[in-house]
C-alpha atoms as a PDB file:
ATOM      1  CA  SER A   1       6.340 -39.776 -30.391  1.00  0.00           C
ATOM      2  CA  THR A   2       7.207 -37.143 -32.988  1.00  0.00           C
ATOM      3  CA  LEU A   3       9.984 -34.576 -33.133  1.00  0.00           C
ATOM      4  CA  GLY A   4       7.596 -31.871 -31.911  1.00  0.00           C
ATOM      5  CA  ASP A   5       6.424 -34.028 -28.997  1.00  0.00           C
ATOM      6  CA  GLU A   6       9.977 -34.733 -27.871  1.00  0.00           C
ATOM      7  CA  LEU A   7      10.971 -31.075 -28.001  1.00  0.00           C
ATOM      8  CA  ALA A   8       7.767 -29.831 -26.340  1.00  0.00           C
ATOM      9  CA  GLU A   9       8.310 -32.169 -23.389  1.00  0.00           C
ATOM     10  CA  GLN A  10      11.640 -30.451 -22.659  1.00  0.00           C
ATOM     11  CA  LEU A  11      10.253 -26.903 -22.430  1.00  0.00           C
ATOM     12  CA  PRO A  12       9.521 -25.467 -18.976  1.00  0.00           C
ATOM     13  CA  ARG A  13       6.091 -23.847 -18.694  1.00  0.00           C
ATOM     14  CA  PHE A  14       6.877 -22.056 -15.416  1.00  0.00           C
ATOM     15  CA  ASP A  15       9.936 -20.205 -14.125  1.00  0.00           C
ATOM     16  CA  LEU A  16      11.671 -20.739 -10.770  1.00  0.00           C
ATOM     17  CA  GLN A  17       9.012 -18.635  -9.042  1.00  0.00           C
ATOM     18  CA  GLN A  18       6.213 -20.720 -10.622  1.00  0.00           C
ATOM     19  CA  ARG A  19       5.147 -17.904 -12.947  1.00  0.00           C
ATOM     20  CA  PRO A  20       4.017 -18.855 -16.471  1.00  0.00           C
ATOM     21  CA  VAL A  21       6.781 -18.397 -19.028  1.00  0.00           C
ATOM     22  CA  THR A  22       6.195 -15.994 -21.908  1.00  0.00           C
ATOM     23  CA  THR A  23       7.866 -16.587 -25.266  1.00  0.00           C
ATOM     24  CA  LEU A  24       8.983 -13.429 -27.057  1.00  0.00           C
ATOM     25  CA  ALA A  25      10.240 -15.078 -30.231  1.00  0.00           C
ATOM     26  CA  ALA A  26      11.279 -18.519 -31.392  1.00  0.00           C
ATOM     27  CA  LEU A  27      12.873 -20.204 -34.366  1.00  0.00           C
ATOM     28  CA  ALA A  28      12.389 -23.913 -34.983  1.00  0.00           C
ATOM     29  CA  LEU A  29      14.774 -25.565 -37.440  1.00  0.00           C
ATOM     30  CA  ALA A  30      14.205 -29.086 -38.731  1.00  0.00           C
ATOM     31  CA  ARG A  31      17.442 -30.670 -40.005  1.00  0.00           C
ATOM     32  CA  GLY A  32      18.781 -33.984 -41.151  1.00  0.00           C
ATOM     33  CA  ALA A  33      18.224 -36.345 -43.993  1.00  0.00           C
ATOM     34  CA  GLY A  34      15.508 -38.367 -42.312  1.00  0.00           C
ATOM     35  CA  ASN A  35      12.105 -38.360 -43.908  1.00  0.00           C
ATOM     36  CA  GLU A  36      10.166 -37.437 -40.756  1.00  0.00           C
ATOM     37  CA  ALA A  37       8.447 -34.155 -41.506  1.00  0.00           C
ATOM     38  CA  VAL A  38       7.378 -31.515 -39.029  1.00  0.00           C
ATOM     39  CA  THR A  39       3.603 -31.903 -38.945  1.00  0.00           C
ATOM     40  CA  ASP A  40       0.887 -29.373 -38.173  1.00  0.00           C
ATOM     41  CA  ARG A  41       0.367 -31.335 -34.932  1.00  0.00           C
ATOM     42  CA  ASP A  42       4.061 -30.787 -34.051  1.00  0.00           C
ATOM     43  CA  ARG A  43       3.742 -27.082 -34.750  1.00  0.00           C
ATOM     44  CA  SER A  44       0.550 -26.785 -32.714  1.00  0.00           C
ATOM     45  CA  ARG A  45       1.923 -28.721 -29.732  1.00  0.00           C
ATOM     46  CA  LEU A  46       5.162 -26.750 -29.696  1.00  0.00           C
ATOM     47  CA  CYS A  47       3.329 -23.400 -29.910  1.00  0.00           C
ATOM     48  CA  LYS A  48       1.043 -24.446 -27.048  1.00  0.00           C
ATOM     49  CA  GLN A  49       4.014 -25.505 -24.910  1.00  0.00           C
ATOM     50  CA  LEU A  50       5.881 -22.266 -25.628  1.00  0.00           C
ATOM     51  CA  GLY A  51       3.120 -20.428 -23.823  1.00  0.00           C
ATOM     52  CA  PRO A  52       1.526 -16.994 -24.197  1.00  0.00           C
ATOM     53  CA  SER A  53       2.066 -15.121 -27.471  1.00  0.00           C
ATOM     54  CA  ALA A  54       3.963 -18.021 -29.030  1.00  0.00           C
ATOM     55  CA  GLY A  55       1.444 -18.669 -31.782  1.00  0.00           C
ATOM     56  CA  GLN A  56       2.599 -15.670 -33.798  1.00  0.00           C
ATOM     57  CA  THR A  57       6.247 -15.742 -32.764  1.00  0.00           C
ATOM     58  CA  VAL A  58       7.536 -19.121 -33.969  1.00  0.00           C
ATOM     59  CA  GLU A  59       9.314 -19.064 -37.288  1.00  0.00           C
ATOM     60  CA  TRP A  60       9.751 -22.483 -38.916  1.00  0.00           C
ATOM     61  CA  TRP A  61      12.634 -23.480 -41.161  1.00  0.00           C
ATOM     62  CA  GLU A  62      12.839 -26.884 -42.740  1.00  0.00           C
ATOM     63  CA  GLY A  63      16.327 -27.550 -44.018  1.00  0.00           C
ATOM     64  CA  THR A  64      16.358 -29.652 -47.153  1.00  0.00           C
ATOM     65  CA  SER A  65      19.762 -28.712 -48.539  1.00  0.00           C
ATOM     66  CA  ALA A  66      22.860 -30.862 -48.205  1.00  0.00           C
ATOM     67  CA  ALA A  67      24.218 -28.412 -45.621  1.00  0.00           C
ATOM     68  CA  CYS A  68      21.227 -29.074 -43.363  1.00  0.00           C
ATOM     69  CA  ALA A  69      21.819 -32.811 -43.627  1.00  0.00           C
ATOM     70  CA  LEU A  70      25.082 -32.433 -41.717  1.00  0.00           C
ATOM     71  CA  PRO A  71      26.748 -34.113 -39.830  1.00  0.00           C
ATOM     72  CA  GLY A  72      26.292 -36.603 -42.634  1.00  0.00           C
ATOM     73  CA  THR A  73      23.949 -38.042 -45.150  1.00  0.00           C
ATOM     74  CA  GLY A  74      21.435 -40.252 -43.426  1.00  0.00           C
ATOM     75  CA  ALA A  75      21.697 -38.397 -40.108  1.00  0.00           C
ATOM     76  CA  PRO A  76      18.514 -38.641 -38.072  1.00  0.00           C
ATOM     77  CA  ARG A  77      16.004 -35.851 -38.455  1.00  0.00           C
ATOM     78  CA  THR A  78      16.256 -33.311 -35.634  1.00  0.00           C
ATOM     79  CA  LEU A  79      14.256 -30.304 -34.535  1.00  0.00           C
ATOM     80  CA  THR A  80      16.194 -27.473 -32.899  1.00  0.00           C
ATOM     81  CA  LEU A  81      14.529 -24.591 -31.098  1.00  0.00           C
ATOM     82  CA  ALA A  82      16.091 -21.209 -30.356  1.00  0.00           C
ATOM     83  CA  ALA A  83      13.754 -19.181 -28.173  1.00  0.00           C
ATOM     84  CA  ASN A  84      13.789 -15.883 -26.300  1.00  0.00           C
ATOM     85  CA  ARG A  85      11.698 -16.663 -23.216  1.00  0.00           C
ATOM     86  CA  THR A  86      11.140 -15.118 -19.801  1.00  0.00           C
ATOM     87  CA  ALA A  87      12.077 -18.390 -18.058  1.00  0.00           C
ATOM     88  CA  GLY A  88      15.753 -17.426 -17.863  1.00  0.00           C
ATOM     89  CA  ALA A  89      15.172 -14.175 -15.970  1.00  0.00           C
ATOM     90  CA  ALA A  90      14.773 -15.886 -12.585  1.00  0.00           C
ATOM     91  CA  HIS A  91      17.975 -17.893 -13.104  1.00  0.00           C
ATOM     92  CA  VAL A  92      19.942 -14.843 -14.195  1.00  0.00           C
ATOM     93  CA  GLY A  93      18.496 -12.865 -11.279  1.00  0.00           C
ATOM     94  CA  GLN A  94      19.839 -15.472  -8.860  1.00  0.00           C
ATOM     95  CA  LEU A  95      23.274 -15.273 -10.502  1.00  0.00           C
ATOM     96  CA  ALA A  96      23.243 -11.477 -10.227  1.00  0.00           C
ATOM     97  CA  LEU A  97      22.300 -11.684  -6.536  1.00  0.00           C
ATOM     98  CA  ARG A  98      25.151 -14.102  -5.894  1.00  0.00           C
ATOM     99  CA  ALA A  99      27.564 -11.808  -7.750  1.00  0.00           C
ATOM    100  CA  GLU A 100      26.356  -8.810  -5.704  1.00  0.00           C
ATOM    101  CA  LEU A 101      26.911 -10.687  -2.452  1.00  0.00           C
ATOM    102  CA  MET A 102      30.384 -11.779  -3.554  1.00  0.00           C
ATOM    103  CA  LEU A 103      31.264  -8.208  -4.537  1.00  0.00           C
ATOM    104  CA  LEU A 104      30.134  -6.941  -1.127  1.00  0.00           C
ATOM    105  CA  ARG A 105      32.692  -9.290   0.427  1.00  0.00           C
ATOM    106  CA  ARG A 106      35.222  -8.447  -2.300  1.00  0.00           C
ATOM    107  CA  ALA A 107      35.489 -12.158  -3.102  1.00  0.00           C
ATOM    108  CA  TYR A 108      38.092 -12.757  -5.817  1.00  0.00           C
ATOM    109  CA  ALA A 109      38.286  -8.990  -6.485  1.00  0.00           C
ATOM    110  CA  HIS A 110      42.084  -9.026  -6.258  1.00  0.00           C
ATOM    111  CA  HIS A 111      42.267 -11.575  -9.105  1.00  0.00           C
ATOM    112  CA  TYR A 112      40.203  -9.365 -11.405  1.00  0.00           C
ATOM    113  CA  ASP A 113      42.161  -6.291 -10.322  1.00  0.00           C
ATOM    114  CA  GLU A 114      45.374  -7.951 -11.515  1.00  0.00           C
ATOM    115  CA  TYR A 115      43.884  -7.994 -15.029  1.00  0.00           C
ATOM    116  CA  GLY A 116      42.641  -4.406 -14.933  1.00  0.00           C
ATOM    117  CA  VAL A 117      39.008  -5.052 -13.996  1.00  0.00           C
ATOM    118  CA  GLY A 118      38.180  -2.958 -10.967  1.00  0.00           C
ATOM    119  CA  LEU A 119      35.433  -3.330  -8.396  1.00  0.00           C
ATOM    120  CA  GLU A 120      33.442  -0.432  -9.890  1.00  0.00           C
ATOM    121  CA  GLU A 121      33.439  -2.055 -13.328  1.00  0.00           C
ATOM    122  CA  MET A 122      32.195  -5.334 -11.886  1.00  0.00           C
ATOM    123  CA  GLN A 123      29.462  -3.559  -9.910  1.00  0.00           C
ATOM    124  CA  GLN A 124      28.403  -1.722 -13.061  1.00  0.00           C
ATOM    125  CA  ALA A 125      28.251  -5.006 -15.008  1.00  0.00           C
ATOM    126  CA  VAL A 126      26.079  -6.620 -12.311  1.00  0.00           C
ATOM    127  CA  GLY A 127      23.826  -3.545 -12.407  1.00  0.00           C
ATOM    128  CA  GLU A 128      23.395  -3.961 -16.158  1.00  0.00           C
ATOM    129  CA  VAL A 129      22.455  -7.615 -15.658  1.00  0.00           C
ATOM    130  CA  ARG A 130      19.908  -6.549 -13.020  1.00  0.00           C
ATOM    131  CA  THR A 131      18.400  -4.130 -15.563  1.00  0.00           C
ATOM    132  CA  VAL A 132      17.950  -6.969 -18.075  1.00  0.00           C
ATOM    133  CA  VAL A 133      16.246  -9.120 -15.412  1.00  0.00           C
ATOM    134  CA  GLU A 134      13.920  -6.213 -14.530  1.00  0.00           C
ATOM    135  CA  ASP A 135      13.118  -5.673 -18.216  1.00  0.00           C
ATOM    136  CA  TYR A 136      12.108  -9.331 -18.575  1.00  0.00           C
ATOM    137  CA  SER A 137       9.983  -9.065 -15.417  1.00  0.00           C
ATOM    138  CA  LYS A 138       8.083  -6.178 -17.027  1.00  0.00           C
ATOM    139  CA  LEU A 139       6.999  -8.577 -19.770  1.00  0.00           C
ATOM    140  CA  LEU A 140       5.034 -10.687 -17.297  1.00  0.00           C
ATOM    141  CA  PRO A 141       1.411  -9.834 -16.526  1.00  0.00           C
ATOM    142  CA  PRO A 142       1.349  -7.330 -13.585  1.00  0.00           C
ATOM    143  CA  SER A 143      -0.514  -9.791 -11.367  1.00  0.00           C
ATOM    144  CA  LEU A 144       2.439 -12.220 -11.567  1.00  0.00           C
ATOM    145  CA  VAL A 145       5.415  -9.909 -11.090  1.00  0.00           C
ATOM    146  CA  HIS A 146       5.359  -9.936  -7.281  1.00  0.00           C
ATOM    147  CA  ALA A 147       3.867 -13.425  -6.894  1.00  0.00           C
END
């Protein structure tokens, strides 16, 4: 198995609601002093696993400098992926729902109040998180939003 295969196997293709995940942008960084190169097959497999629109959104960096060989010379070759994907929206939506329910019951509100964070500020913050979740939902095909 190659670096691309190992990384691709870790990527979810569907979110918590079983909707296909869309990738907005991604950066893949190959590091280490090993001599295993990122192959066209690795790139193709990773783009396929990233899902819709990923083909044009993955930027590839191959670190060959001494700084990229850290933590030390001879370190195994690694492939790191940073990706902005819609998969996280369902998770964050669940967290926001839990926070809303806790705020309705004023759970722990007195602790935050001691440090100058009032109930209104917390409700506003949860509202902003909800807006982000809704924005990510708009990126899904319309047929999947209410699935």
